Amino acid sequence: MSFLKIFQYVYIIFAAFFIYDAFVKYQNNESVTMSLLLAAAAVFMFFFRRRFNNKYGK
């Protein structure tokens, strides 16, 4: 597995962290908008990277 294939899974880890951060902020009655936007961006980047790697891997 190359570095780029491994690195795409780091985006899922970041998404999980930001979702957890949003949950903690929600419990403390703080704004969760930025955490949720960053989580959505990380999920998008995961799928974008996976599609990009599959496209050029063939």
Protein backbone atom coordinates (compact mmCIF):
# COMPACT_ATOMS: atom_id res chain seq x y z
CA MET A 1 0.00 0.00 0.00
CA SER A 2 1.42 3.35 -0.97
CA PHE A 3 1.52 6.39 1.25
CA LEU A 4 -1.31 8.08 -0.64
CA LYS A 5 -3.63 5.09 -0.20
CA ILE A 6 -2.94 5.04 3.53
CA PHE A 7 -3.30 8.81 3.84
CA GLN A 8 -6.85 8.77 2.46
CA TYR A 9 -7.96 6.91 5.59
CA VAL A 10 -6.55 9.70 7.76
CA TYR A 11 -9.43 11.83 6.48
CA ILE A 12 -11.91 9.39 8.06
CA ILE A 13 -10.03 9.68 11.36
CA PHE A 14 -10.24 13.48 11.14
CA ALA A 15 -13.96 13.27 10.37
CA ALA A 16 -14.54 11.07 13.42
CA PHE A 17 -12.59 13.52 15.59
CA PHE A 18 -14.56 16.52 14.36
CA ILE A 19 -17.87 14.72 14.86
CA TYR A 20 -16.81 13.89 18.41
CA ASP A 21 -15.75 17.53 18.89
CA ALA A 22 -19.15 18.71 17.64
CA PHE A 23 -20.89 16.36 20.07
CA VAL A 24 -18.87 17.69 23.01
CA LYS A 25 -19.51 21.28 21.96
CA TYR A 26 -23.22 20.56 21.60
CA GLN A 27 -23.30 19.18 25.15
CA ASN A 28 -21.69 22.43 26.38
CA ASN A 29 -24.15 24.60 24.41
CA GLU A 30 -21.44 25.92 22.10
CA SER A 31 -21.54 26.42 18.35
CA VAL A 32 -20.97 23.21 16.41
CA THR A 33 -21.11 24.63 12.89
CA MET A 34 -17.38 24.73 12.20
CA SER A 35 -16.77 21.22 13.52
CA LEU A 36 -19.53 19.80 11.37
CA LEU A 37 -18.27 21.65 8.29
CA LEU A 38 -14.77 20.29 8.84
CA ALA A 39 -16.16 16.78 9.32
CA ALA A 40 -18.12 17.06 6.08
CA ALA A 41 -15.02 18.32 4.27
CA ALA A 42 -12.98 15.41 5.59
CA VAL A 43 -15.58 12.87 4.44
CA PHE A 44 -15.70 14.56 1.04
CA MET A 45 -11.90 14.44 0.75
CA PHE A 46 -11.90 10.74 1.65
CA PHE A 47 -14.27 9.86 -1.17
CA PHE A 48 -12.54 12.27 -3.57
CA ARG A 49 -9.13 10.74 -2.85
CA ARG A 50 -10.46 7.21 -3.12
CA ARG A 51 -12.07 7.92 -6.48
CA PHE A 52 -8.95 9.71 -7.70
CA ASN A 53 -6.70 6.80 -6.67
CA ASN A 54 -9.02 4.25 -8.27
CA LYS A 55 -9.23 6.28 -11.46
CA TYR A 56 -5.46 6.53 -11.92
CA GLY A 57 -4.77 3.07 -10.53
CA LYS A 58 -6.47 1.38 -13.46
